[in-house]
Each structure stands twice: as C-alpha cells, then as structure tokens.
Amino acid sequence: MERQRSLEESAVIDAPPATVYGLVSELRNMGRWSPECRSVWVPSRTSARAGARFLGFNRRGPFVWFTVGRVVEARQDRAFVFDVGVFGLPIARWGYRFEPEGTGTRVTEFWQDLRSGGPRGRVADLLGTVFAGTDPARRIALNRSGMRATLAAIAGTATLTRPGA
C-alpha cells in the first residue's frame, strides 16, 4: 500500500472568518484543542505572521516530543499555515483555510507529510516512531482523528466567542 502523504478535514463553524482566523492564528490555542499538542511556546508576542517561530510540546499516551515550527503563510481571514520539524528535519506542513459559508465559516484543516524518501526522511520516520510512538503507516489515521477533534474544539470555542454570543 502506498503511503498517504496528505489529508484534509473540514467543518462549518458558526462564526465569521475573522473570529475563527483570530483563534487559529494564536498558536498558543493549539494546546487547548489538539489531542496531541499540549502547549505551544511562541518567543514573540505576535504568532500570526509569516516567519514567526514557535515550539510545540506534544504528548500521546506515554510518548512525549517537541517540534520546532515556523509560520509560512498568514493571510487574514483566508489561510494560516505552518511547518514543523525536529532536529532540523522537516516533518509536516499544517494549515487552515477559511471560507465564508452561509452565516459561518468553512474551516479546512490540512496536513502534508514533508519527510522525503531519502536518508533524512528515514531518520525522520524513525524519530516519529521512537518519540511519538507512531510509524508512518499509522500516522494518517491518528491525524484524521486528531483533526476532527481539533475542528470540533475550535468550533466550540468560536461559538462561545463570536460577536453577539
């Protein structure tokens, strides 16, 4: 079976794009929503700009690991995208697209595997298995489940913080 290297999940959230974008682009919120991310440390006050760097602290069961991230796209109310890696190795690109839908916003979370097939990619695969407890074959199922949980948590937060709520 060929390895799946990308995934998307979408949800319609009952809040305007500006509200949802504001929540997602504040990287510190990820620790509240993601089943794996426990916290995010952003050394600067502004995490919602291209080039901003951050550290993600992750846990799943007994496995604990960190990632180093960099925001690669921050388009107000349209898209927020960041790359994560570990020990200088690229691991994944995560992102969110925001589109008005009715009175709410369709949020699409996407993931792209950035690990190459060469020696560096094999090292990254091994690190994922050792530190995160997930081999590449299982990663897609965990990400799908995690994305659904994250989108549901974002929806709950956005509904509570939308204007007029």
Protein backbone atom coordinates (compact mmCIF):
# COMPACT_ATOMS: atom_id res chain seq x y z
CA MET A 1 0.00 0.00 0.00
CA GLU A 2 1.33 3.42 -0.95
CA ARG A 3 1.94 5.83 1.90
CA GLN A 4 -0.60 8.64 2.11
CA ARG A 5 1.23 11.96 2.42
CA SER A 6 -1.63 14.43 2.79
CA LEU A 7 -5.00 14.76 4.42
CA GLU A 8 -7.82 17.30 4.75
CA GLU A 9 -10.80 17.59 7.07
CA SER A 10 -13.44 20.34 7.02
CA ALA A 11 -16.16 21.66 9.28
CA VAL A 12 -18.58 24.57 9.12
CA ILE A 13 -18.22 26.73 12.20
CA ASP A 14 -20.94 29.12 13.34
CA ALA A 15 -18.72 32.21 13.45
CA PRO A 16 -17.35 34.66 10.88
CA PRO A 17 -13.94 34.04 9.23
CA ALA A 18 -12.31 36.88 11.20
CA THR A 19 -13.27 35.24 14.50
CA VAL A 20 -12.10 31.78 13.51
CA TYR A 21 -8.88 33.06 11.92
CA GLY A 22 -8.11 35.07 15.05
CA LEU A 23 -8.45 31.99 17.23
CA VAL A 24 -6.41 29.67 14.99
CA SER A 25 -3.64 32.17 14.27
CA GLU A 26 -3.00 32.49 18.01
CA LEU A 27 -0.75 29.42 18.14
CA ARG A 28 -0.94 29.18 21.92
CA ASN A 29 -4.55 28.00 21.49
CA MET A 30 -3.45 24.74 19.82
CA GLY A 31 -2.69 23.16 23.18
CA ARG A 32 -6.36 23.64 24.15
CA TRP A 33 -7.73 21.92 21.06
CA SER A 34 -5.36 19.28 19.71
CA PRO A 35 -5.37 15.75 21.15
CA GLU A 36 -1.55 15.60 20.74
CA CYS A 37 -0.33 19.17 21.18
CA ARG A 38 -0.19 20.04 24.86
CA SER A 39 1.21 23.56 24.59
CA VAL A 40 2.92 25.98 22.25
CA TRP A 41 5.61 28.44 23.21
CA VAL A 42 5.97 31.48 20.98
CA PRO A 43 9.01 33.63 21.80
CA SER A 44 7.50 36.77 20.27
CA ARG A 45 4.21 38.45 21.08
CA THR A 46 2.92 38.05 17.54
CA SER A 47 2.47 34.48 16.35
CA ALA A 48 0.17 35.35 13.44
CA ARG A 49 2.76 36.46 10.92
CA ALA A 50 4.80 34.67 8.31
CA GLY A 51 8.25 33.82 9.64
CA ALA A 52 7.16 33.57 13.29
CA ARG A 53 8.81 30.63 15.05
CA PHE A 54 7.48 28.52 17.90
CA LEU A 55 7.96 25.29 19.85
CA GLY A 56 5.22 22.69 20.15
CA PHE A 57 5.15 20.30 23.09
CA ASN A 58 3.27 17.12 22.29
CA ARG A 59 2.08 14.02 24.09
CA ARG A 60 0.17 10.90 23.16
CA GLY A 61 -0.07 8.26 25.87
CA PRO A 62 3.41 7.68 27.31
CA PHE A 63 5.13 9.37 24.34
CA VAL A 64 6.36 12.95 24.66
CA TRP A 65 8.08 15.00 21.94
CA PHE A 66 8.64 18.54 20.76
CA THR A 67 8.55 20.17 17.36
CA VAL A 68 10.03 23.40 16.06
CA GLY A 69 7.61 25.36 13.91
CA ARG A 70 7.59 28.30 11.56
CA VAL A 71 4.56 30.13 10.17
CA VAL A 72 4.81 30.08 6.37
CA GLU A 73 1.53 31.80 5.47
CA ALA A 74 -0.72 34.16 7.41
CA ARG A 75 -3.43 35.71 5.25
CA GLN A 76 -6.02 37.42 7.43
CA ASP A 77 -9.33 35.53 7.39
CA ARG A 78 -8.17 33.30 4.49
CA ALA A 79 -5.31 30.95 5.45
CA PHE A 80 -2.90 30.13 8.25
CA VAL A 81 -0.12 27.62 7.54
CA PHE A 82 2.95 26.42 9.45
CA ASP A 83 5.71 23.86 9.02
CA VAL A 84 7.02 21.69 11.83
CA GLY A 85 10.24 19.78 12.13
CA VAL A 86 12.52 18.19 14.67
CA PHE A 87 16.31 18.26 14.94
CA GLY A 88 16.47 20.24 11.68
CA LEU A 89 14.46 17.63 9.76
CA PRO A 90 11.22 18.68 8.05
CA ILE A 91 8.25 16.67 9.29
CA ALA A 92 4.93 18.21 8.24
CA ARG A 93 3.03 21.21 6.97
CA TRP A 94 -0.20 22.01 8.83
CA GLY A 95 -2.66 24.61 7.74
CA TYR A 96 -6.14 26.03 7.88
CA ARG A 97 -8.20 27.63 5.13
CA PHE A 98 -11.20 29.82 5.96
CA GLU A 99 -14.10 30.36 3.56
CA PRO A 100 -17.40 32.11 4.32
CA GLU A 101 -20.31 29.69 4.17
CA GLY A 102 -23.77 30.97 4.95
CA THR A 103 -23.51 32.85 8.23
CA GLY A 104 -20.46 30.86 9.30
CA THR A 105 -17.07 29.71 8.07
CA ARG A 106 -15.94 26.51 6.40
CA VAL A 107 -12.61 25.68 8.02
CA THR A 108 -10.43 23.15 6.26
CA GLU A 109 -7.52 21.77 8.24
CA PHE A 110 -4.85 20.11 6.13
CA TRP A 111 -1.68 18.14 6.73
CA GLN A 112 1.14 17.34 4.34
CA ASP A 113 3.97 14.93 5.13
CA LEU A 114 7.27 16.72 4.41
CA ARG A 115 9.51 13.73 5.13
CA SER A 116 11.39 12.79 2.00
CA GLY A 117 12.16 9.25 0.87
CA GLY A 118 15.92 9.61 1.28
CA PRO A 119 18.15 9.04 4.32
CA ARG A 120 16.89 12.19 6.09
CA GLY A 121 13.30 11.03 5.58
CA ARG A 122 14.09 7.62 7.01
CA VAL A 123 15.66 9.27 10.08
CA ALA A 124 12.55 11.45 10.47
CA ASP A 125 10.35 8.34 10.20
CA LEU A 126 12.44 6.59 12.85
CA LEU A 127 12.26 9.61 15.18
CA GLY A 128 8.47 9.66 14.78
CA THR A 129 8.26 6.00 15.71
CA VAL A 130 10.61 6.30 18.70
CA PHE A 131 9.45 9.63 20.19
CA ALA A 132 5.81 9.85 19.09
CA GLY A 133 5.12 6.12 19.06
CA THR A 134 3.68 6.31 15.56
CA ASP A 135 5.04 4.72 12.44
CA PRO A 136 4.22 6.40 9.10
CA ALA A 137 1.53 3.81 8.28
CA ARG A 138 -0.48 4.74 11.41
CA ARG A 139 0.12 8.49 11.27
CA ILE A 140 -2.66 9.19 8.75
CA ALA A 141 -5.36 7.57 10.93
CA LEU A 142 -4.16 9.43 14.04
CA ASN A 143 -4.06 12.71 12.15
CA ARG A 144 -7.59 12.22 10.77
CA SER A 145 -8.96 11.57 14.25
CA GLY A 146 -6.97 14.46 15.71
CA MET A 147 -8.08 16.87 13.01
CA ARG A 148 -11.73 16.04 13.61
CA ALA A 149 -11.30 16.58 17.35
CA THR A 150 -9.39 19.83 16.79
CA LEU A 151 -12.02 21.23 14.42
CA ALA A 152 -14.78 20.36 16.89
CA ALA A 153 -12.88 22.10 19.70
CA ILE A 154 -12.26 25.19 17.53
CA ALA A 155 -15.98 25.25 16.70
CA GLY A 156 -16.88 25.15 20.38
CA THR A 157 -14.51 27.98 21.21
CA ALA A 158 -15.54 30.10 18.20
CA THR A 159 -19.22 29.72 19.02
CA LEU A 160 -18.58 30.96 22.56
CA THR A 161 -16.50 33.95 21.39
CA ARG A 162 -18.46 35.07 18.33
CA PRO A 163 -19.89 38.59 18.40
CA GLY A 164 -23.35 38.62 19.93
CA ALA A 165 -22.98 35.24 21.63
